[in-house]
Each structure stands twice: as structure tokens, then as C-alpha cells.
Amino acid sequence: MSSDDYAHGRRDGLRLALAILAVEEAKWAALLGRSPSWRTNQIREVRHKTLQVAQKRLQTALNRLTSKNEAAVSTELTAALDKLGL
């Protein structure tokens, strides 16, 4: 396995993780403020914020793995990030 294949696999893994986090974040966003219990609402807000922070950290890691020699980001990556709203 070459280094390029390994790096490509890592980037694909990060993209998959971003997609999964986006789905979870959307699920928790829909539940924010819906419970009559303030404690449940507070826990949901913390989980939602945690997912947002995790998405941002994964995005930063993905940006670091993306080759700096590439003049433009691939259309696949751009489409994935647009879909996630990042």
C-alpha cells in the first residue's frame, strides 16, 4: 500500500465521520428546547454543541491532510462539505 493510498483512505474516513456527525447533529438540533424538563434541554444543548465542536475538529484534521500543492479542492470534497454545511 502506498503512502498516497493511505492518505486517501484517511481522508475518506474523515469525510465519513463528518457525514455521521452531521446526521447526529441534525437529530439533536431538532430536539433542542422540546422537553418540558430544563435538565433534559440542557443535556441536549451540551450534546449538540459537542457534536458541532467534533465536526469542526474533524474538518480541521481533514484540511491538514489535504495536499497543500492542490490548487483547488476536489469537487467531491467541496460537494461533501456543502452538503454538511461547512
Protein backbone atom coordinates (compact mmCIF):
# COMPACT_ATOMS: atom_id res chain seq x y z
CA MET A 1 0.00 0.00 0.00
CA SER A 2 1.45 3.33 -0.96
CA SER A 3 1.52 6.46 1.10
CA ASP A 4 -0.92 8.18 -1.27
CA ASP A 5 -3.43 5.34 -0.87
CA TYR A 6 -3.10 5.54 2.91
CA ALA A 7 -3.62 9.31 2.92
CA HIS A 8 -6.62 8.96 0.60
CA GLY A 9 -8.12 6.36 2.95
CA ARG A 10 -7.61 8.64 5.94
CA ARG A 11 -9.34 11.50 4.13
CA ASP A 12 -12.23 9.22 3.16
CA GLY A 13 -12.53 8.11 6.79
CA LEU A 14 -12.68 11.70 7.96
CA ARG A 15 -15.32 12.52 5.36
CA LEU A 16 -17.40 9.58 6.56
CA ALA A 17 -17.01 10.70 10.17
CA LEU A 18 -18.11 14.22 9.19
CA ALA A 19 -21.21 12.83 7.49
CA ILE A 20 -22.11 10.73 10.53
CA LEU A 21 -21.63 13.68 12.88
CA ALA A 22 -23.78 15.87 10.63
CA VAL A 23 -26.66 13.39 10.88
CA GLU A 24 -26.32 13.18 14.67
CA GLU A 25 -26.08 16.96 14.98
CA ALA A 26 -29.25 17.39 12.93
CA LYS A 27 -31.05 14.87 15.14
CA TRP A 28 -30.12 16.75 18.31
CA ALA A 29 -30.84 20.15 16.75
CA ALA A 30 -34.42 19.02 16.12
CA LEU A 31 -34.82 18.10 19.80
CA LEU A 32 -33.46 21.33 21.30
CA GLY A 33 -35.90 23.01 23.67
CA ARG A 34 -38.68 20.46 23.12
CA SER A 35 -38.68 18.80 26.51
CA PRO A 36 -40.65 20.20 29.44
CA SER A 37 -37.64 19.33 31.61
CA TRP A 38 -34.97 22.02 31.79
CA ARG A 39 -32.35 19.39 32.64
CA THR A 40 -33.13 17.36 29.52
CA ASN A 41 -32.99 20.52 27.42
CA GLN A 42 -29.65 21.43 28.95
CA ILE A 43 -28.21 17.97 28.23
CA ARG A 44 -29.44 18.18 24.64
CA GLU A 45 -27.79 21.58 24.18
CA VAL A 46 -24.49 20.22 25.50
CA ARG A 47 -24.66 17.19 23.20
CA HIS A 48 -25.50 19.41 20.24
CA LYS A 49 -22.58 21.73 20.97
CA THR A 50 -20.25 18.74 21.47
CA LEU A 51 -21.19 17.41 18.03
CA GLN A 52 -20.56 20.83 16.48
CA VAL A 53 -17.10 21.00 18.09
CA ALA A 54 -16.30 17.47 16.91
CA GLN A 55 -17.32 18.39 13.36
CA LYS A 56 -15.06 21.44 13.44
CA ARG A 57 -12.12 19.40 14.74
CA LEU A 58 -12.59 16.76 12.05
CA GLN A 59 -12.81 19.48 9.42
CA THR A 60 -9.52 20.92 10.68
CA ALA A 61 -7.89 17.48 10.54
CA LEU A 62 -9.21 16.94 7.02
CA ASN A 63 -7.85 20.32 5.93
CA ARG A 64 -4.44 19.39 7.31
CA LEU A 65 -4.45 16.12 5.35
CA THR A 66 -5.45 17.79 2.13
CA SER A 67 -2.40 18.39 0.00
CA LYS A 68 -1.20 21.97 0.06
CA ASN A 69 0.00 21.54 -3.52
CA GLU A 70 -3.53 21.18 -4.81
CA ALA A 71 -4.61 24.46 -6.35
CA ALA A 72 -8.29 23.66 -5.91
CA VAL A 73 -10.10 21.30 -3.61
CA SER A 74 -11.66 18.35 -5.40
CA THR A 75 -15.26 18.71 -6.45
CA GLU A 76 -16.11 15.62 -4.39
CA LEU A 77 -14.76 17.22 -1.23
CA THR A 78 -16.47 20.52 -1.99
CA ALA A 79 -19.81 18.79 -2.56
CA ALA A 80 -19.47 16.80 0.68
CA LEU A 81 -18.65 19.91 2.69
CA ASP A 82 -21.50 21.88 1.12
CA LYS A 83 -23.88 19.05 1.96
CA LEU A 84 -22.72 19.22 5.58
CA GLY A 85 -22.97 22.99 5.64
CA LEU A 86 -19.29 23.53 6.41
